[in-house]
N, C-alpha and C. Protein backbone atom coordinates (compact mmCIF):
# COMPACT_ATOMS: atom_id res chain seq x y z
N UNK A 1 0.83 -1.19 0.00
CA UNK A 1 0.00 0.00 0.00
C UNK A 1 0.88 1.26 0.00
N UNK A 2 1.91 1.20 0.83
CA UNK A 2 2.79 2.36 0.91
C UNK A 2 3.38 2.72 -0.45
N UNK A 3 3.86 1.72 -1.14
CA UNK A 3 4.50 1.96 -2.44
C UNK A 3 3.49 2.54 -3.44
N UNK A 4 2.26 2.00 -3.44
CA UNK A 4 1.24 2.49 -4.36
C UNK A 4 0.93 3.96 -4.08
N UNK A 5 0.77 4.33 -2.81
CA UNK A 5 0.48 5.72 -2.46
C UNK A 5 1.66 6.62 -2.81
N UNK A 6 2.86 6.15 -2.55
CA UNK A 6 4.06 6.94 -2.84
C UNK A 6 4.20 7.19 -4.35
N UNK A 7 4.05 6.14 -5.14
CA UNK A 7 4.17 6.27 -6.60
C UNK A 7 3.01 7.10 -7.16
N UNK A 8 1.80 6.83 -6.69
CA UNK A 8 0.64 7.60 -7.16
C UNK A 8 0.80 9.07 -6.81
N UNK A 9 1.28 9.36 -5.61
CA UNK A 9 1.51 10.74 -5.21
C UNK A 9 2.52 11.43 -6.11
N UNK A 10 3.58 10.72 -6.43
CA UNK A 10 4.58 11.28 -7.33
C UNK A 10 4.01 11.57 -8.70
N UNK A 11 3.20 10.65 -9.23
CA UNK A 11 2.58 10.86 -10.54
C UNK A 11 1.59 12.02 -10.51
N UNK A 12 0.75 12.09 -9.47
CA UNK A 12 -0.19 13.20 -9.40
C UNK A 12 0.53 14.54 -9.36
N UNK A 13 1.55 14.64 -8.52
CA UNK A 13 2.30 15.90 -8.42
C UNK A 13 2.98 16.23 -9.75
N UNK A 14 3.55 15.21 -10.39
CA UNK A 14 4.19 15.42 -11.70
C UNK A 14 3.19 15.97 -12.71
N UNK A 15 2.03 15.32 -12.80
CA UNK A 15 1.03 15.77 -13.78
C UNK A 15 0.48 17.14 -13.43
N UNK A 16 0.43 17.47 -12.14
CA UNK A 16 0.01 18.81 -11.75
C UNK A 16 1.00 19.87 -12.21
N UNK A 17 2.27 19.60 -12.03
CA UNK A 17 3.31 20.54 -12.48
C UNK A 17 3.30 20.62 -14.01
N UNK A 18 3.13 19.49 -14.67
CA UNK A 18 3.06 19.47 -16.13
C UNK A 18 1.86 20.29 -16.62
N UNK A 19 0.71 20.09 -15.99
CA UNK A 19 -0.49 20.84 -16.40
C UNK A 19 -0.30 22.34 -16.19
N UNK A 20 0.32 22.72 -15.08
CA UNK A 20 0.57 24.14 -14.83
C UNK A 20 1.49 24.73 -15.88
N UNK A 21 2.52 23.99 -16.26
CA UNK A 21 3.44 24.52 -17.28
C UNK A 21 2.75 24.60 -18.64
N UNK A 22 1.91 23.63 -18.95
CA UNK A 22 1.16 23.69 -20.22
C UNK A 22 0.19 24.87 -20.23
N UNK A 23 -0.45 25.13 -19.08
CA UNK A 23 -1.41 26.24 -19.05
C UNK A 23 -0.71 27.59 -19.14
N UNK A 24 0.55 27.64 -18.78
CA UNK A 24 1.29 28.90 -18.86
C UNK A 24 1.92 29.12 -20.22
N UNK A 25 2.01 28.06 -21.02
CA UNK A 25 2.70 28.19 -22.30
C UNK A 25 1.88 27.63 -23.46
N UNK A 26 1.92 26.33 -23.65
CA UNK A 26 1.34 25.71 -24.85
C UNK A 26 -0.18 25.85 -24.94
N UNK A 27 -0.87 25.82 -23.82
CA UNK A 27 -2.34 25.86 -23.85
C UNK A 27 -2.92 27.20 -23.43
N UNK A 28 -2.08 28.17 -23.18
CA UNK A 28 -2.54 29.45 -22.63
C UNK A 28 -3.61 30.10 -23.51
N UNK A 29 -3.36 30.23 -24.79
CA UNK A 29 -4.33 30.89 -25.68
C UNK A 29 -5.65 30.12 -25.74
N UNK A 30 -5.57 28.81 -25.86
CA UNK A 30 -6.78 28.00 -25.96
C UNK A 30 -7.61 28.06 -24.68
N UNK A 31 -6.96 27.97 -23.53
CA UNK A 31 -7.68 28.01 -22.26
C UNK A 31 -8.23 29.39 -21.97
N UNK A 32 -7.47 30.42 -22.33
CA UNK A 32 -7.93 31.80 -22.10
C UNK A 32 -9.12 32.14 -22.98
N UNK A 33 -9.09 31.69 -24.22
CA UNK A 33 -10.18 31.98 -25.16
C UNK A 33 -11.49 31.36 -24.69
N UNK A 34 -11.42 30.21 -24.07
CA UNK A 34 -12.62 29.54 -23.59
C UNK A 34 -12.95 29.84 -22.14
N UNK A 35 -12.23 30.79 -21.54
CA UNK A 35 -12.42 31.14 -20.13
C UNK A 35 -12.30 29.91 -19.23
N UNK A 36 -11.37 29.04 -19.54
CA UNK A 36 -11.17 27.81 -18.78
C UNK A 36 -9.85 27.79 -18.01
N UNK A 37 -9.08 28.85 -18.12
CA UNK A 37 -7.74 28.88 -17.52
C UNK A 37 -7.80 28.69 -16.01
N UNK A 38 -8.71 29.37 -15.34
CA UNK A 38 -8.80 29.26 -13.88
C UNK A 38 -9.16 27.84 -13.45
N UNK A 39 -10.10 27.22 -14.14
CA UNK A 39 -10.48 25.85 -13.81
C UNK A 39 -9.33 24.88 -14.04
N UNK A 40 -8.63 25.05 -15.14
CA UNK A 40 -7.49 24.19 -15.45
C UNK A 40 -6.40 24.32 -14.39
N UNK A 41 -6.10 25.56 -14.01
CA UNK A 41 -5.07 25.79 -13.00
C UNK A 41 -5.50 25.28 -11.62
N UNK A 42 -6.78 25.39 -11.30
CA UNK A 42 -7.27 24.85 -10.03
C UNK A 42 -7.05 23.34 -9.99
N UNK A 43 -7.41 22.66 -11.06
CA UNK A 43 -7.22 21.22 -11.11
C UNK A 43 -5.74 20.85 -11.01
N UNK A 44 -4.90 21.62 -11.69
CA UNK A 44 -3.45 21.36 -11.63
C UNK A 44 -2.93 21.55 -10.21
N UNK A 45 -3.36 22.60 -9.55
CA UNK A 45 -2.92 22.84 -8.17
C UNK A 45 -3.40 21.73 -7.24
N UNK A 46 -4.63 21.29 -7.43
CA UNK A 46 -5.17 20.19 -6.61
C UNK A 46 -4.42 18.88 -6.86
N UNK A 47 -3.97 18.67 -8.10
CA UNK A 47 -3.16 17.48 -8.37
C UNK A 47 -1.87 17.50 -7.56
N UNK A 48 -1.20 18.63 -7.54
CA UNK A 48 0.04 18.74 -6.77
C UNK A 48 -0.26 18.55 -5.28
N UNK A 49 -1.28 19.25 -4.78
CA UNK A 49 -1.60 19.18 -3.35
C UNK A 49 -1.95 17.75 -2.93
N UNK A 50 -2.78 17.07 -3.70
CA UNK A 50 -3.18 15.72 -3.30
C UNK A 50 -2.09 14.70 -3.61
N UNK A 51 -1.22 15.00 -4.55
CA UNK A 51 -0.04 14.16 -4.75
C UNK A 51 0.86 14.20 -3.54
N UNK A 52 1.11 15.39 -3.02
CA UNK A 52 1.92 15.50 -1.80
C UNK A 52 1.22 14.86 -0.61
N UNK A 53 -0.10 15.01 -0.54
CA UNK A 53 -0.86 14.37 0.54
C UNK A 53 -0.74 12.85 0.47
N UNK A 54 -0.74 12.30 -0.73
CA UNK A 54 -0.57 10.84 -0.88
C UNK A 54 0.80 10.39 -0.42
N UNK A 55 1.82 11.17 -0.69
CA UNK A 55 3.16 10.83 -0.22
C UNK A 55 3.18 10.82 1.31
N UNK A 56 2.51 11.79 1.92
CA UNK A 56 2.41 11.81 3.38
C UNK A 56 1.63 10.60 3.88
N UNK A 57 0.57 10.21 3.15
CA UNK A 57 -0.21 9.04 3.55
C UNK A 57 0.65 7.79 3.54
N UNK A 58 1.54 7.66 2.55
CA UNK A 58 2.44 6.52 2.51
C UNK A 58 3.30 6.47 3.77
N UNK A 59 3.80 7.62 4.17
CA UNK A 59 4.62 7.67 5.39
C UNK A 59 3.80 7.41 6.65
N UNK A 60 2.59 7.95 6.69
CA UNK A 60 1.73 7.72 7.86
C UNK A 60 1.32 6.25 7.96
N UNK A 61 1.05 5.62 6.83
CA UNK A 61 0.66 4.20 6.86
C UNK A 61 1.78 3.34 7.43
N UNK A 62 3.00 3.75 7.19
CA UNK A 62 4.15 3.00 7.72
C UNK A 62 4.40 3.33 9.19
N UNK A 63 4.33 4.59 9.53
CA UNK A 63 4.66 5.03 10.89
C UNK A 63 3.55 4.73 11.88
N UNK A 64 2.31 5.00 11.49
CA UNK A 64 1.15 4.79 12.35
C UNK A 64 0.13 3.95 11.59
N UNK A 65 0.32 2.64 11.56
CA UNK A 65 -0.60 1.82 10.77
C UNK A 65 -2.03 1.86 11.34
N UNK A 66 -2.87 2.61 10.68
CA UNK A 66 -4.28 2.71 11.06
C UNK A 66 -5.10 2.74 9.78
N UNK A 67 -6.23 2.06 9.81
CA UNK A 67 -7.09 1.96 8.63
C UNK A 67 -7.50 3.33 8.09
N UNK A 68 -7.62 4.32 8.97
CA UNK A 68 -8.04 5.65 8.53
C UNK A 68 -7.06 6.24 7.52
N UNK A 69 -5.77 6.01 7.70
CA UNK A 69 -4.78 6.55 6.78
C UNK A 69 -4.82 5.82 5.44
N UNK A 70 -5.10 4.53 5.46
CA UNK A 70 -5.26 3.77 4.22
C UNK A 70 -6.48 4.27 3.47
N UNK A 71 -7.58 4.44 4.17
CA UNK A 71 -8.80 4.97 3.53
C UNK A 71 -8.57 6.36 2.97
N UNK A 72 -7.83 7.17 3.69
CA UNK A 72 -7.52 8.51 3.22
C UNK A 72 -6.74 8.46 1.91
N UNK A 73 -5.75 7.59 1.85
CA UNK A 73 -4.96 7.46 0.63
C UNK A 73 -5.82 7.04 -0.55
N UNK A 74 -6.68 6.05 -0.34
CA UNK A 74 -7.56 5.61 -1.42
C UNK A 74 -8.53 6.70 -1.83
N UNK A 75 -9.01 7.46 -0.85
CA UNK A 75 -9.92 8.57 -1.17
C UNK A 75 -9.21 9.63 -2.00
N UNK A 76 -7.94 9.89 -1.71
CA UNK A 76 -7.19 10.87 -2.49
C UNK A 76 -6.96 10.38 -3.92
N UNK A 77 -6.70 9.09 -4.08
CA UNK A 77 -6.51 8.54 -5.44
C UNK A 77 -7.81 8.63 -6.23
N UNK A 78 -8.89 8.10 -5.67
CA UNK A 78 -10.17 8.09 -6.36
C UNK A 78 -10.70 9.51 -6.56
N UNK A 79 -10.63 10.32 -5.51
CA UNK A 79 -11.13 11.69 -5.60
C UNK A 79 -10.37 12.52 -6.62
N UNK A 80 -9.07 12.32 -6.70
CA UNK A 80 -8.27 13.06 -7.69
C UNK A 80 -8.65 12.66 -9.10
N UNK A 81 -8.84 11.36 -9.30
CA UNK A 81 -9.25 10.90 -10.63
C UNK A 81 -10.59 11.51 -11.01
N UNK A 82 -11.53 11.49 -10.08
CA UNK A 82 -12.87 12.00 -10.39
C UNK A 82 -12.92 13.52 -10.47
N UNK A 83 -12.36 14.20 -9.48
CA UNK A 83 -12.48 15.66 -9.45
C UNK A 83 -11.51 16.33 -10.42
N UNK A 84 -10.23 16.21 -10.16
CA UNK A 84 -9.26 16.90 -11.02
C UNK A 84 -9.32 16.38 -12.45
N UNK A 85 -9.50 15.07 -12.60
CA UNK A 85 -9.56 14.50 -13.94
C UNK A 85 -10.71 15.07 -14.76
N UNK A 86 -11.89 15.12 -14.16
CA UNK A 86 -13.04 15.64 -14.92
C UNK A 86 -12.94 17.14 -15.14
N UNK A 87 -12.39 17.88 -14.19
CA UNK A 87 -12.22 19.33 -14.40
C UNK A 87 -11.28 19.57 -15.59
N UNK A 88 -10.19 18.83 -15.64
CA UNK A 88 -9.26 18.99 -16.76
C UNK A 88 -9.91 18.62 -18.09
N UNK A 89 -10.65 17.53 -18.11
CA UNK A 89 -11.31 17.10 -19.35
C UNK A 89 -12.37 18.12 -19.77
N UNK A 90 -13.13 18.64 -18.79
CA UNK A 90 -14.18 19.61 -19.12
C UNK A 90 -13.63 20.91 -19.69
N UNK A 91 -12.35 21.16 -19.52
CA UNK A 91 -11.75 22.36 -20.11
C UNK A 91 -11.66 22.24 -21.63
N UNK A 92 -11.77 21.02 -22.15
CA UNK A 92 -11.59 20.81 -23.58
C UNK A 92 -12.81 20.22 -24.29
N UNK A 93 -13.72 19.66 -23.53
CA UNK A 93 -14.88 19.02 -24.14
C UNK A 93 -16.05 18.99 -23.17
N UNK A 94 -17.22 18.78 -23.69
CA UNK A 94 -18.41 18.63 -22.85
C UNK A 94 -18.49 17.17 -22.39
N UNK A 95 -18.83 16.98 -21.13
CA UNK A 95 -18.86 15.62 -20.61
C UNK A 95 -20.28 15.10 -20.39
N UNK A 96 -21.28 15.94 -20.54
CA UNK A 96 -22.65 15.50 -20.32
C UNK A 96 -22.85 15.02 -18.89
N UNK A 97 -23.47 13.87 -18.73
CA UNK A 97 -23.74 13.33 -17.40
C UNK A 97 -22.47 12.91 -16.67
N UNK A 98 -21.41 12.62 -17.41
CA UNK A 98 -20.15 12.26 -16.75
C UNK A 98 -19.58 13.43 -15.94
N UNK A 99 -20.02 14.63 -16.26
CA UNK A 99 -19.58 15.80 -15.49
C UNK A 99 -20.04 15.75 -14.05
N UNK A 100 -21.02 14.91 -13.75
CA UNK A 100 -21.48 14.75 -12.36
C UNK A 100 -20.42 14.09 -11.49
N UNK A 101 -19.40 13.53 -12.12
CA UNK A 101 -18.31 12.93 -11.35
C UNK A 101 -17.49 13.99 -10.62
N UNK A 102 -17.53 15.23 -11.10
CA UNK A 102 -16.74 16.30 -10.47
C UNK A 102 -17.15 16.54 -9.02
N UNK A 103 -18.42 16.81 -8.72
CA UNK A 103 -18.76 17.02 -7.31
C UNK A 103 -18.61 15.75 -6.48
N UNK A 104 -18.84 14.58 -7.08
CA UNK A 104 -18.62 13.34 -6.35
C UNK A 104 -17.15 13.21 -5.97
N UNK A 105 -16.27 13.53 -6.90
CA UNK A 105 -14.84 13.50 -6.61
C UNK A 105 -14.45 14.48 -5.52
N UNK A 106 -15.06 15.66 -5.53
CA UNK A 106 -14.80 16.63 -4.47
C UNK A 106 -15.21 16.11 -3.11
N UNK A 107 -16.35 15.42 -3.05
CA UNK A 107 -16.79 14.85 -1.77
C UNK A 107 -15.86 13.73 -1.31
N UNK A 108 -15.35 12.94 -2.26
CA UNK A 108 -14.41 11.87 -1.91
C UNK A 108 -13.11 12.48 -1.38
N UNK A 109 -12.65 13.57 -1.97
CA UNK A 109 -11.45 14.24 -1.46
C UNK A 109 -11.68 14.75 -0.03
N UNK A 110 -12.84 15.34 0.21
CA UNK A 110 -13.15 15.82 1.56
C UNK A 110 -13.18 14.66 2.55
N UNK A 111 -13.72 13.54 2.12
CA UNK A 111 -13.73 12.35 2.97
C UNK A 111 -12.31 11.92 3.32
N UNK A 112 -11.41 12.02 2.34
CA UNK A 112 -10.01 11.69 2.59
C UNK A 112 -9.40 12.55 3.67
N UNK A 113 -9.70 13.84 3.65
CA UNK A 113 -9.17 14.74 4.68
C UNK A 113 -9.78 14.41 6.04
N UNK A 114 -11.06 14.07 6.07
CA UNK A 114 -11.69 13.70 7.34
C UNK A 114 -11.13 12.39 7.88
N UNK A 115 -10.72 11.49 7.01
CA UNK A 115 -10.09 10.25 7.46
C UNK A 115 -8.77 10.53 8.17
N UNK A 116 -8.05 11.56 7.73
CA UNK A 116 -6.82 11.94 8.43
C UNK A 116 -7.15 12.41 9.84
N UNK A 117 -8.21 13.20 9.96
CA UNK A 117 -8.64 13.66 11.28
C UNK A 117 -8.99 12.46 12.15
N UNK A 118 -9.77 11.53 11.61
CA UNK A 118 -10.17 10.33 12.34
C UNK A 118 -8.94 9.54 12.78
N UNK A 119 -8.00 9.33 11.87
CA UNK A 119 -6.78 8.61 12.23
C UNK A 119 -5.96 9.34 13.27
N UNK A 120 -5.88 10.65 13.15
CA UNK A 120 -5.14 11.44 14.14
C UNK A 120 -5.73 11.35 15.52
N UNK A 121 -7.04 11.23 15.59
CA UNK A 121 -7.70 11.10 16.89
C UNK A 121 -7.61 9.70 17.47
N UNK A 122 -7.43 8.69 16.61
CA UNK A 122 -7.46 7.30 17.07
C UNK A 122 -6.08 6.69 17.28
N UNK A 123 -5.09 7.18 16.58
CA UNK A 123 -3.78 6.54 16.66
C UNK A 123 -3.06 6.93 17.95
N UNK A 124 -2.29 5.99 18.47
CA UNK A 124 -1.51 6.25 19.68
C UNK A 124 -0.20 6.93 19.29
N UNK A 125 -0.06 8.17 19.70
CA UNK A 125 1.16 8.93 19.39
C UNK A 125 2.19 8.71 20.49
N UNK A 126 3.49 8.72 20.12
CA UNK A 126 4.53 8.52 21.14
C UNK A 126 4.61 9.65 22.14
């Protein structure tokens, strides 16, 4: 589990940095013309933030093995795919009913953060 969260976190952060650089250069005109630049950058920033959070989850799962941290990691993976993924796709195309995955992904991300709170309250700290 640790390795999966660590690698997934690295990939999410990488793609967030890549998306930010694309929005500042190669895709700037296209995103600005469609008034999608802010949404694209928000998704890119969330990719970096949740990528770093996944790396922390990998460390927490090893240091304080508690189910809450594992659930948090999975919530960050699934939530990032649903929220940031659909926001990025919606910048270039219409998703129809699949666009409903965006708020669902946001709720899954929030659940991930609440799992950290739950784990922090339940784990025995030194």
